[in-house]
Amino acid sequence: PPDFSGFKLIMGPTQSISSSWINGNRTYSKTYTYILQPTNLGTFKI
């Protein structure tokens, strides 16, 4: 994951996976999710 400066980590990473075959076509998706709380005002680069 990137550096989350300017944010406090509230939750994460959580991981979800989705995989399916429909009419011979495979779809796959994997997601890592983070919940962050800002610690200051301003513009922050993730």
ModelCIF file with pLDDT and N, C-alpha, C, O atoms, coordinates in Angstrom:
data_MODEL
#
_entry.id   MODEL 
#
_entity.id                         1 
_entity.type                       polymer 
_entity.pdbx_number_of_molecules   1 
#
_entity_poly.entity_id                      1 
_entity_poly.type                           'polypeptide(L)' 
_entity_poly.nstd_linkage                   no 
_entity_poly.nstd_monomer                   no 
_entity_poly.pdbx_seq_one_letter_code       PPDFSGFKLIMGPTQSISSSWINGNRTYSKTYTYILQPTNLGTFKI 
_entity_poly.pdbx_seq_one_letter_code_can   PPDFSGFKLIMGPTQSISSSWINGNRTYSKTYTYILQPTNLGTFKI 
_entity_poly.pdbx_strand_id                 A 
#
loop_
_entity_poly_seq.entity_id 
_entity_poly_seq.num 
_entity_poly_seq.mon_id 
_entity_poly_seq.hetero 
1 1  PRO n 
1 2  PRO n 
1 3  ASP n 
1 4  PHE n 
1 5  SER n 
1 6  GLY n 
1 7  PHE n 
1 8  LYS n 
1 9  LEU n 
1 10 ILE n 
1 11 MET n 
1 12 GLY n 
1 13 PRO n 
1 14 THR n 
1 15 GLN n 
1 16 SER n 
1 17 ILE n 
1 18 SER n 
1 19 SER n 
1 20 SER n 
1 21 TRP n 
1 22 ILE n 
1 23 ASN n 
1 24 GLY n 
1 25 ASN n 
1 26 ARG n 
1 27 THR n 
1 28 TYR n 
1 29 SER n 
1 30 LYS n 
1 31 THR n 
1 32 TYR n 
1 33 THR n 
1 34 TYR n 
1 35 ILE n 
1 36 LEU n 
1 37 GLN n 
1 38 PRO n 
1 39 THR n 
1 40 ASN n 
1 41 LEU n 
1 42 GLY n 
1 43 THR n 
1 44 PHE n 
1 45 LYS n 
1 46 ILE n 
#
_struct_asym.id          A 
_struct_asym.entity_id   1 
#
loop_
_ma_qa_metric.id 
_ma_qa_metric.mode 
_ma_qa_metric.name 
_ma_qa_metric.software_group_id 
_ma_qa_metric.type 
1 global pLDDT . pLDDT 
2 local  pLDDT . pLDDT 
#
_ma_qa_metric_global.metric_id      1 
_ma_qa_metric_global.metric_value   95.46 
_ma_qa_metric_global.model_id       1 
_ma_qa_metric_global.ordinal_id     1 
#
loop_
_ma_qa_metric_local.label_asym_id 
_ma_qa_metric_local.label_comp_id 
_ma_qa_metric_local.label_seq_id 
_ma_qa_metric_local.metric_id 
_ma_qa_metric_local.metric_value 
_ma_qa_metric_local.model_id 
_ma_qa_metric_local.ordinal_id 
A PRO 1  2 98.00 1 1  
A PRO 2  2 97.00 1 2  
A ASP 3  2 95.00 1 3  
A PHE 4  2 96.00 1 4  
A SER 5  2 94.00 1 5  
A GLY 6  2 95.00 1 6  
A PHE 7  2 97.00 1 7  
A LYS 8  2 97.00 1 8  
A LEU 9  2 97.00 1 9  
A ILE 10 2 96.00 1 10 
A MET 11 2 96.00 1 11 
A GLY 12 2 94.00 1 12 
A PRO 13 2 96.00 1 13 
A THR 14 2 97.00 1 14 
A GLN 15 2 96.00 1 15 
A SER 16 2 96.00 1 16 
A ILE 17 2 96.00 1 17 
A SER 18 2 95.00 1 18 
A SER 19 2 94.00 1 19 
A SER 20 2 94.00 1 20 
A TRP 21 2 92.00 1 21 
A ILE 22 2 92.00 1 22 
A ASN 23 2 92.00 1 23 
A GLY 24 2 89.00 1 24 
A ASN 25 2 90.00 1 25 
A ARG 26 2 89.00 1 26 
A THR 27 2 93.00 1 27 
A TYR 28 2 95.00 1 28 
A SER 29 2 96.00 1 29 
A LYS 30 2 97.00 1 30 
A THR 31 2 97.00 1 31 
A TYR 32 2 97.00 1 32 
A THR 33 2 98.00 1 33 
A TYR 34 2 98.00 1 34 
A ILE 35 2 97.00 1 35 
A LEU 36 2 97.00 1 36 
A GLN 37 2 96.00 1 37 
A PRO 38 2 97.00 1 38 
A THR 39 2 96.00 1 39 
A ASN 40 2 95.00 1 40 
A LEU 41 2 97.00 1 41 
A GLY 42 2 97.00 1 42 
A THR 43 2 97.00 1 43 
A PHE 44 2 97.00 1 44 
A LYS 45 2 97.00 1 45 
A ILE 46 2 97.00 1 46 
#
loop_
_atom_site.group_PDB 
_atom_site.id 
_atom_site.type_symbol 
_atom_site.label_atom_id 
_atom_site.label_alt_id 
_atom_site.label_comp_id 
_atom_site.label_asym_id 
_atom_site.label_entity_id 
_atom_site.label_seq_id 
_atom_site.pdbx_PDB_ins_code 
_atom_site.Cartn_x 
_atom_site.Cartn_y 
_atom_site.Cartn_z 
_atom_site.occupancy 
_atom_site.B_iso_or_equiv 
_atom_site.pdbx_formal_charge 
_atom_site.auth_seq_id 
_atom_site.auth_comp_id 
_atom_site.auth_asym_id 
_atom_site.auth_atom_id 
_atom_site.pdbx_PDB_model_num 
ATOM 1   N N  . PRO A 1 1  ? 0.836   -1.204  0.000   1.00 98.00 ? 1  PRO A N  1 
ATOM 2   C CA . PRO A 1 1  ? 0.000   0.000   0.000   1.00 98.00 ? 1  PRO A CA 1 
ATOM 3   C C  . PRO A 1 1  ? 0.870   1.252   0.000   1.00 98.00 ? 1  PRO A C  1 
ATOM 4   O O  . PRO A 1 1  ? 2.056   1.190   0.326   1.00 98.00 ? 1  PRO A O  1 
ATOM 5   N N  . PRO A 1 2  ? 0.286   2.375   -0.362  1.00 97.00 ? 2  PRO A N  1 
ATOM 6   C CA . PRO A 1 2  ? 1.041   3.637   -0.325  1.00 97.00 ? 2  PRO A CA 1 
ATOM 7   C C  . PRO A 1 2  ? 1.158   4.141   1.110   1.00 97.00 ? 2  PRO A C  1 
ATOM 8   O O  . PRO A 1 2  ? 0.572   3.582   2.037   1.00 97.00 ? 2  PRO A O  1 
ATOM 9   N N  . ASP A 1 3  ? 1.921   5.197   1.263   1.00 95.00 ? 3  ASP A N  1 
ATOM 10  C CA . ASP A 1 3  ? 2.019   5.882   2.551   1.00 95.00 ? 3  ASP A CA 1 
ATOM 11  C C  . ASP A 1 3  ? 0.739   6.697   2.740   1.00 95.00 ? 3  ASP A C  1 
ATOM 12  O O  . ASP A 1 3  ? 0.291   7.381   1.819   1.00 95.00 ? 3  ASP A O  1 
ATOM 13  N N  . PHE A 1 4  ? 0.163   6.622   3.919   1.00 96.00 ? 4  PHE A N  1 
ATOM 14  C CA . PHE A 1 4  ? -1.079  7.342   4.187   1.00 96.00 ? 4  PHE A CA 1 
ATOM 15  C C  . PHE A 1 4  ? -0.813  8.580   5.048   1.00 96.00 ? 4  PHE A C  1 
ATOM 16  O O  . PHE A 1 4  ? -1.590  8.854   5.963   1.00 96.00 ? 4  PHE A O  1 
ATOM 17  N N  . SER A 1 5  ? 0.269   9.344   4.784   1.00 94.00 ? 5  SER A N  1 
ATOM 18  C CA . SER A 1 5  ? 0.546   10.525  5.605   1.00 94.00 ? 5  SER A CA 1 
ATOM 19  C C  . SER A 1 5  ? -0.589  11.529  5.486   1.00 94.00 ? 5  SER A C  1 
ATOM 20  O O  . SER A 1 5  ? -1.139  11.774  4.412   1.00 94.00 ? 5  SER A O  1 
ATOM 21  N N  . GLY A 1 6  ? -0.912  12.098  6.641   1.00 95.00 ? 6  GLY A N  1 
ATOM 22  C CA . GLY A 1 6  ? -2.029  13.029  6.710   1.00 95.00 ? 6  GLY A CA 1 
ATOM 23  C C  . GLY A 1 6  ? -3.323  12.328  7.090   1.00 95.00 ? 6  GLY A C  1 
ATOM 24  O O  . GLY A 1 6  ? -4.365  12.967  7.236   1.00 95.00 ? 6  GLY A O  1 
ATOM 25  N N  . PHE A 1 7  ? -3.252  11.002  7.250   1.00 97.00 ? 7  PHE A N  1 
ATOM 26  C CA . PHE A 1 7  ? -4.432  10.211  7.588   1.00 97.00 ? 7  PHE A CA 1 
ATOM 27  C C  . PHE A 1 7  ? -4.089  9.203   8.686   1.00 97.00 ? 7  PHE A C  1 
ATOM 28  O O  . PHE A 1 7  ? -2.960  8.723   8.787   1.00 97.00 ? 7  PHE A O  1 
ATOM 29  N N  . LYS A 1 8  ? -5.084  8.902   9.493   1.00 97.00 ? 8  LYS A N  1 
ATOM 30  C CA . LYS A 1 8  ? -4.961  7.862   10.521  1.00 97.00 ? 8  LYS A CA 1 
ATOM 31  C C  . LYS A 1 8  ? -5.678  6.622   9.985   1.00 97.00 ? 8  LYS A C  1 
ATOM 32  O O  . LYS A 1 8  ? -6.807  6.718   9.503   1.00 97.00 ? 8  LYS A O  1 
ATOM 33  N N  . LEU A 1 9  ? -5.035  5.476   10.067  1.00 97.00 ? 9  LEU A N  1 
ATOM 34  C CA . LEU A 1 9  ? -5.652  4.222   9.614   1.00 97.00 ? 9  LEU A CA 1 
ATOM 35  C C  . LEU A 1 9  ? -6.720  3.797   10.618  1.00 97.00 ? 9  LEU A C  1 
ATOM 36  O O  . LEU A 1 9  ? -6.414  3.524   11.778  1.00 97.00 ? 9  LEU A O  1 
ATOM 37  N N  . ILE A 1 10 ? -7.979  3.742   10.167  1.00 96.00 ? 10 ILE A N  1 
ATOM 38  C CA . ILE A 1 10 ? -9.091  3.326   11.010  1.00 96.00 ? 10 ILE A CA 1 
ATOM 39  C C  . ILE A 1 10 ? -9.335  1.828   10.853  1.00 96.00 ? 10 ILE A C  1 
ATOM 40  O O  . ILE A 1 10 ? -9.588  1.127   11.833  1.00 96.00 ? 10 ILE A O  1 
ATOM 41  N N  . MET A 1 11 ? -9.257  1.341   9.608   1.00 96.00 ? 11 MET A N  1 
ATOM 42  C CA . MET A 1 11 ? -9.513  -0.065  9.332   1.00 96.00 ? 11 MET A CA 1 
ATOM 43  C C  . MET A 1 11 ? -8.777  -0.475  8.070   1.00 96.00 ? 11 MET A C  1 
ATOM 44  O O  . MET A 1 11 ? -8.651  0.304   7.126   1.00 96.00 ? 11 MET A O  1 
ATOM 45  N N  . GLY A 1 12 ? -8.296  -1.704  8.068   1.00 94.00 ? 12 GLY A N  1 
ATOM 46  C CA . GLY A 1 12 ? -7.734  -2.244  6.845   1.00 94.00 ? 12 GLY A CA 1 
ATOM 47  C C  . GLY A 1 12 ? -6.337  -2.789  7.029   1.00 94.00 ? 12 GLY A C  1 
ATOM 48  O O  . GLY A 1 12 ? -5.683  -2.550  8.044   1.00 94.00 ? 12 GLY A O  1 
ATOM 49  N N  . PRO A 1 13 ? -5.906  -3.502  6.062   1.00 96.00 ? 13 PRO A N  1 
ATOM 50  C CA . PRO A 1 13 ? -6.661  -3.782  4.840   1.00 96.00 ? 13 PRO A CA 1 
ATOM 51  C C  . PRO A 1 13 ? -7.647  -4.931  5.034   1.00 96.00 ? 13 PRO A C  1 
ATOM 52  O O  . PRO A 1 13 ? -7.354  -5.909  5.721   1.00 96.00 ? 13 PRO A O  1 
ATOM 53  N N  . THR A 1 14 ? -8.796  -4.796  4.429   1.00 97.00 ? 14 THR A N  1 
ATOM 54  C CA . THR A 1 14 ? -9.701  -5.932  4.288   1.00 97.00 ? 14 THR A CA 1 
ATOM 55  C C  . THR A 1 14 ? -9.589  -6.367  2.832   1.00 97.00 ? 14 THR A C  1 
ATOM 56  O O  . THR A 1 14 ? -9.252  -5.574  1.953   1.00 97.00 ? 14 THR A O  1 
ATOM 57  N N  . GLN A 1 15 ? -9.873  -7.624  2.600   1.00 96.00 ? 15 GLN A N  1 
ATOM 58  C CA . GLN A 1 15 ? -9.703  -8.170  1.248   1.00 96.00 ? 15 GLN A CA 1 
ATOM 59  C C  . GLN A 1 15 ? -10.984 -8.847  0.808   1.00 96.00 ? 15 GLN A C  1 
ATOM 60  O O  . GLN A 1 15 ? -11.605 -9.583  1.575   1.00 96.00 ? 15 GLN A O  1 
ATOM 61  N N  . SER A 1 16 ? -11.374 -8.595  -0.427  1.00 96.00 ? 16 SER A N  1 
ATOM 62  C CA . SER A 1 16 ? -12.523 -9.303  -1.002  1.00 96.00 ? 16 SER A CA 1 
ATOM 63  C C  . SER A 1 16 ? -12.130 -9.817  -2.385  1.00 96.00 ? 16 SER A C  1 
ATOM 64  O O  . SER A 1 16 ? -11.369 -9.181  -3.114  1.00 96.00 ? 16 SER A O  1 
ATOM 65  N N  . ILE A 1 17 ? -12.669 -10.976 -2.718  1.00 96.00 ? 17 ILE A N  1 
ATOM 66  C CA . ILE A 1 17 ? -12.378 -11.608 -4.010  1.00 96.00 ? 17 ILE A CA 1 
ATOM 67  C C  . ILE A 1 17 ? -13.689 -12.020 -4.658  1.00 96.00 ? 17 ILE A C  1 
ATOM 68  O O  . ILE A 1 17 ? -14.582 -12.562 -4.007  1.00 96.00 ? 17 ILE A O  1 
ATOM 69  N N  . SER A 1 18 ? -13.786 -11.753 -5.947  1.00 95.00 ? 18 SER A N  1 
ATOM 70  C CA . SER A 1 18 ? -14.945 -12.177 -6.730  1.00 95.00 ? 18 SER A CA 1 
ATOM 71  C C  . SER A 1 18 ? -14.428 -12.875 -7.984  1.00 95.00 ? 18 SER A C  1 
ATOM 72  O O  . SER A 1 18 ? -13.565 -12.352 -8.689  1.00 95.00 ? 18 SER A O  1 
ATOM 73  N N  . SER A 1 19 ? -14.964 -14.056 -8.248  1.00 94.00 ? 19 SER A N  1 
ATOM 74  C CA . SER A 1 19 ? -14.564 -14.803 -9.443  1.00 94.00 ? 19 SER A CA 1 
ATOM 75  C C  . SER A 1 19 ? -15.790 -15.514 -9.988  1.00 94.00 ? 19 SER A C  1 
ATOM 76  O O  . SER A 1 19 ? -16.552 -16.121 -9.235  1.00 94.00 ? 19 SER A O  1 
ATOM 77  N N  . SER A 1 20 ? -15.979 -15.437 -11.311 1.00 94.00 ? 20 SER A N  1 
ATOM 78  C CA . SER A 1 20 ? -17.127 -16.119 -11.907 1.00 94.00 ? 20 SER A CA 1 
ATOM 79  C C  . SER A 1 20 ? -16.836 -16.506 -13.347 1.00 94.00 ? 20 SER A C  1 
ATOM 80  O O  . SER A 1 20 ? -15.987 -15.915 -14.014 1.00 94.00 ? 20 SER A O  1 
ATOM 81  N N  . TRP A 1 21 ? -17.555 -17.500 -13.800 1.00 92.00 ? 21 TRP A N  1 
ATOM 82  C CA . TRP A 1 21 ? -17.533 -17.928 -15.198 1.00 92.00 ? 21 TRP A CA 1 
ATOM 83  C C  . TRP A 1 21 ? -18.940 -17.752 -15.730 1.00 92.00 ? 21 TRP A C  1 
ATOM 84  O O  . TRP A 1 21 ? -19.880 -18.344 -15.200 1.00 92.00 ? 21 TRP A O  1 
ATOM 85  N N  . ILE A 1 22 ? -19.100 -16.951 -16.768 1.00 92.00 ? 22 ILE A N  1 
ATOM 86  C CA . ILE A 1 22 ? -20.418 -16.758 -17.380 1.00 92.00 ? 22 ILE A CA 1 
ATOM 87  C C  . ILE A 1 22 ? -20.253 -16.945 -18.879 1.00 92.00 ? 22 ILE A C  1 
ATOM 88  O O  . ILE A 1 22 ? -19.489 -16.228 -19.525 1.00 92.00 ? 22 ILE A O  1 
ATOM 89  N N  . ASN A 1 23 ? -20.975 -17.917 -19.427 1.00 92.00 ? 23 ASN A N  1 
ATOM 90  C CA . ASN A 1 23 ? -20.905 -18.226 -20.854 1.00 92.00 ? 23 ASN A CA 1 
ATOM 91  C C  . ASN A 1 23 ? -19.460 -18.392 -21.341 1.00 92.00 ? 23 ASN A C  1 
ATOM 92  O O  . ASN A 1 23 ? -19.097 -17.934 -22.424 1.00 92.00 ? 23 ASN A O  1 
ATOM 93  N N  . GLY A 1 24 ? -18.654 -19.053 -20.521 1.00 89.00 ? 24 GLY A N  1 
ATOM 94  C CA . GLY A 1 24 ? -17.273 -19.312 -20.908 1.00 89.00 ? 24 GLY A CA 1 
ATOM 95  C C  . GLY A 1 24 ? -16.313 -18.169 -20.679 1.00 89.00 ? 24 GLY A C  1 
ATOM 96  O O  . GLY A 1 24 ? -15.120 -18.298 -20.954 1.00 89.00 ? 24 GLY A O  1 
ATOM 97  N N  . ASN A 1 25 ? -16.813 -17.046 -20.177 1.00 90.00 ? 25 ASN A N  1 
ATOM 98  C CA . ASN A 1 25 ? -15.953 -15.892 -19.902 1.00 90.00 ? 25 ASN A CA 1 
ATOM 99  C C  . ASN A 1 25 ? -15.698 -15.781 -18.404 1.00 90.00 ? 25 ASN A C  1 
ATOM 100 O O  . ASN A 1 25 ? -16.634 -15.779 -17.604 1.00 90.00 ? 25 ASN A O  1 
ATOM 101 N N  . ARG A 1 26 ? -14.430 -15.688 -18.034 1.00 89.00 ? 26 ARG A N  1 
ATOM 102 C CA . ARG A 1 26 ? -14.060 -15.583 -16.632 1.00 89.00 ? 26 ARG A CA 1 
ATOM 103 C C  . ARG A 1 26 ? -13.895 -14.120 -16.248 1.00 89.00 ? 26 ARG A C  1 
ATOM 104 O O  . ARG A 1 26 ? -13.272 -13.341 -16.969 1.00 89.00 ? 26 ARG A O  1 
ATOM 105 N N  . THR A 1 27 ? -14.454 -13.765 -15.114 1.00 93.00 ? 27 THR A N  1 
ATOM 106 C CA . THR A 1 27 ? -14.204 -12.457 -14.528 1.00 93.00 ? 27 THR A CA 1 
ATOM 107 C C  . THR A 1 27 ? -13.606 -12.671 -13.148 1.00 93.00 ? 27 THR A C  1 
ATOM 108 O O  . THR A 1 27 ? -13.987 -13.596 -12.431 1.00 93.00 ? 27 THR A O  1 
ATOM 109 N N  . TYR A 1 28 ? -12.678 -11.818 -12.788 1.00 95.00 ? 28 TYR A N  1 
ATOM 110 C CA . TYR A 1 28 ? -11.995 -11.932 -11.504 1.00 95.00 ? 28 TYR A CA 1 
ATOM 111 C C  . TYR A 1 28 ? -11.746 -10.527 -10.986 1.00 95.00 ? 28 TYR A C  1 
ATOM 112 O O  . TYR A 1 28 ? -11.403 -9.620  -11.744 1.00 95.00 ? 28 TYR A O  1 
ATOM 113 N N  . SER A 1 29 ? -11.923 -10.363 -9.702  1.00 96.00 ? 29 SER A N  1 
ATOM 114 C CA . SER A 1 29 ? -11.638 -9.081  -9.073  1.00 96.00 ? 29 SER A CA 1 
ATOM 115 C C  . SER A 1 29 ? -11.174 -9.332  -7.643  1.00 96.00 ? 29 SER A C  1 
ATOM 116 O O  . SER A 1 29 ? -11.781 -10.105 -6.901  1.00 96.00 ? 29 SER A O  1 
ATOM 117 N N  . LYS A 1 30 ? -10.099 -8.669  -7.277  1.00 97.00 ? 30 LYS A N  1 
ATOM 118 C CA . LYS A 1 30 ? -9.591  -8.724  -5.908  1.00 97.00 ? 30 LYS A CA 1 
ATOM 119 C C  . LYS A 1 30 ? -9.429  -7.291  -5.446  1.00 97.00 ? 30 LYS A C  1 
ATOM 120 O O  . LYS A 1 30 ? -8.870  -6.462  -6.163  1.00 97.00 ? 30 LYS A O  1 
ATOM 121 N N  . THR A 1 31 ? -9.920  -6.995  -4.243  1.00 97.00 ? 31 THR A N  1 
ATOM 122 C CA . THR A 1 31 ? -9.901  -5.631  -3.725  1.00 97.00 ? 31 THR A CA 1 
ATOM 123 C C  . THR A 1 31 ? -9.333  -5.600  -2.312  1.00 97.00 ? 31 THR A C  1 
ATOM 124 O O  . THR A 1 31 ? -9.717  -6.395  -1.454  1.00 97.00 ? 31 THR A O  1 
ATOM 125 N N  . TYR A 1 32 ? -8.414  -4.666  -2.087  1.00 97.00 ? 32 TYR A N  1 
ATOM 126 C CA . TYR A 1 32 ? -7.941  -4.350  -0.739  1.00 97.00 ? 32 TYR A CA 1 
ATOM 127 C C  . TYR A 1 32 ? -8.571  -3.015  -0.365  1.00 97.00 ? 32 TYR A C  1 
ATOM 128 O O  . TYR A 1 32 ? -8.475  -2.049  -1.121  1.00 97.00 ? 32 TYR A O  1 
ATOM 129 N N  . THR A 1 33 ? -9.214  -2.958  0.799   1.00 98.00 ? 33 THR A N  1 
ATOM 130 C CA . THR A 1 33 ? -9.920  -1.753  1.227   1.00 98.00 ? 33 THR A CA 1 
ATOM 131 C C  . THR A 1 33 ? -9.331  -1.208  2.523   1.00 98.00 ? 33 THR A C  1 
ATOM 132 O O  . THR A 1 33 ? -9.025  -1.957  3.451   1.00 98.00 ? 33 THR A O  1 
ATOM 133 N N  . TYR A 1 34 ? -9.180  0.114   2.564   1.00 98.00 ? 34 TYR A N  1 
ATOM 134 C CA . TYR A 1 34 ? -8.710  0.821   3.757   1.00 98.00 ? 34 TYR A CA 1 
ATOM 135 C C  . TYR A 1 34 ? -9.715  1.925   4.084   1.00 98.00 ? 34 TYR A C  1 
ATOM 136 O O  . TYR A 1 34 ? -10.282 2.549   3.188   1.00 98.00 ? 34 TYR A O  1 
ATOM 137 N N  . ILE A 1 35 ? -9.927  2.155   5.382   1.00 97.00 ? 35 ILE A N  1 
ATOM 138 C CA . ILE A 1 35 ? -10.719 3.289   5.853   1.00 97.00 ? 35 ILE A CA 1 
ATOM 139 C C  . ILE A 1 35 ? -9.761  4.200   6.619   1.00 97.00 ? 35 ILE A C  1 
ATOM 140 O O  . ILE A 1 35 ? -9.090  3.764   7.554   1.00 97.00 ? 35 ILE A O  1 
ATOM 141 N N  . LEU A 1 36 ? -9.705  5.479   6.209   1.00 97.00 ? 36 LEU A N  1 
ATOM 142 C CA . LEU A 1 36 ? -8.771  6.436   6.776   1.00 97.00 ? 36 LEU A CA 1 
ATOM 143 C C  . LEU A 1 36 ? -9.507  7.647   7.327   1.00 97.00 ? 36 LEU A C  1 
ATOM 144 O O  . LEU A 1 36 ? -10.562 8.027   6.820   1.00 97.00 ? 36 LEU A O  1 
ATOM 145 N N  . GLN A 1 37 ? -8.944  8.252   8.370   1.00 96.00 ? 37 GLN A N  1 
ATOM 146 C CA . GLN A 1 37 ? -9.482  9.482   8.962   1.00 96.00 ? 37 GLN A CA 1 
ATOM 147 C C  . GLN A 1 37 ? -8.432  10.581  8.777   1.00 96.00 ? 37 GLN A C  1 
ATOM 148 O O  . GLN A 1 37 ? -7.284  10.397  9.180   1.00 96.00 ? 37 GLN A O  1 
ATOM 149 N N  . PRO A 1 38 ? -8.797  11.719  8.177   1.00 97.00 ? 38 PRO A N  1 
ATOM 150 C CA . PRO A 1 38 ? -7.814  12.803  8.031   1.00 97.00 ? 38 PRO A CA 1 
ATOM 151 C C  . PRO A 1 38 ? -7.355  13.305  9.402   1.00 97.00 ? 38 PRO A C  1 
ATOM 152 O O  . PRO A 1 38 ? -8.125  13.308  10.362  1.00 97.00 ? 38 PRO A O  1 
ATOM 153 N N  . THR A 1 39 ? -6.103  13.724  9.479   1.00 96.00 ? 39 THR A N  1 
ATOM 154 C CA . THR A 1 39 ? -5.572  14.252  10.737  1.00 96.00 ? 39 THR A CA 1 
ATOM 155 C C  . THR A 1 39 ? -5.395  15.770  10.687  1.00 96.00 ? 39 THR A C  1 
ATOM 156 O O  . THR A 1 39 ? -5.269  16.403  11.735  1.00 96.00 ? 39 THR A O  1 
ATOM 157 N N  . ASN A 1 40 ? -5.381  16.362  9.501   1.00 95.00 ? 40 ASN A N  1 
ATOM 158 C CA . ASN A 1 40 ? -5.180  17.799  9.345   1.00 95.00 ? 40 ASN A CA 1 
ATOM 159 C C  . ASN A 1 40 ? -5.927  18.303  8.120   1.00 95.00 ? 40 ASN A C  1 
ATOM 160 O O  . ASN A 1 40 ? -6.386  17.525  7.283   1.00 95.00 ? 40 ASN A O  1 
ATOM 161 N N  . LEU A 1 41 ? -6.037  19.628  8.035   1.00 97.00 ? 41 LEU A N  1 
ATOM 162 C CA . LEU A 1 41 ? -6.595  20.257  6.838   1.00 97.00 ? 41 LEU A CA 1 
ATOM 163 C C  . LEU A 1 41 ? -5.493  20.367  5.787   1.00 97.00 ? 41 LEU A C  1 
ATOM 164 O O  . LEU A 1 41 ? -4.310  20.442  6.120   1.00 97.00 ? 41 LEU A O  1 
ATOM 165 N N  . GLY A 1 42 ? -5.892  20.375  4.518   1.00 97.00 ? 42 GLY A N  1 
ATOM 166 C CA . GLY A 1 42 ? -4.922  20.550  3.452   1.00 97.00 ? 42 GLY A CA 1 
ATOM 167 C C  . GLY A 1 42 ? -5.163  19.563  2.320   1.00 97.00 ? 42 GLY A C  1 
ATOM 168 O O  . GLY A 1 42 ? -6.159  18.840  2.308   1.00 97.00 ? 42 GLY A O  1 
ATOM 169 N N  . THR A 1 43 ? -4.247  19.546  1.380   1.00 97.00 ? 43 THR A N  1 
ATOM 170 C CA . THR A 1 43 ? -4.311  18.600  0.264   1.00 97.00 ? 43 THR A CA 1 
ATOM 171 C C  . THR A 1 43 ? -3.201  17.584  0.465   1.00 97.00 ? 43 THR A C  1 
ATOM 172 O O  . THR A 1 43 ? -2.033  17.940  0.623   1.00 97.00 ? 43 THR A O  1 
ATOM 173 N N  . PHE A 1 44 ? -3.583  16.317  0.456   1.00 97.00 ? 44 PHE A N  1 
ATOM 174 C CA . PHE A 1 44 ? -2.635  15.242  0.718   1.00 97.00 ? 44 PHE A CA 1 
ATOM 175 C C  . PHE A 1 44 ? -2.565  14.313  -0.486  1.00 97.00 ? 44 PHE A C  1 
ATOM 176 O O  . PHE A 1 44 ? -3.570  14.020  -1.134  1.00 97.00 ? 44 PHE A O  1 
ATOM 177 N N  . LYS A 1 45 ? -1.368  13.867  -0.760  1.00 97.00 ? 45 LYS A N  1 
ATOM 178 C CA . LYS A 1 45 ? -1.157  12.961  -1.885  1.00 97.00 ? 45 LYS A CA 1 
ATOM 179 C C  . LYS A 1 45 ? -1.095  11.522  -1.367  1.00 97.00 ? 45 LYS A C  1 
ATOM 180 O O  . LYS A 1 45 ? -0.265  11.172  -0.528  1.00 97.00 ? 45 LYS A O  1 
ATOM 181 N N  . ILE A 1 46 ? -2.008  10.700  -1.902  1.00 97.00 ? 46 ILE A N  1 
ATOM 182 C CA . ILE A 1 46 ? -1.950  9.261   -1.649  1.00 97.00 ? 46 ILE A CA 1 
ATOM 183 C C  . ILE A 1 46 ? -1.087  8.708   -2.779  1.00 97.00 ? 46 ILE A C  1 
ATOM 184 O O  . ILE A 1 46 ? -0.850  7.501   -2.841  1.00 97.00 ? 46 ILE A O  1 
#
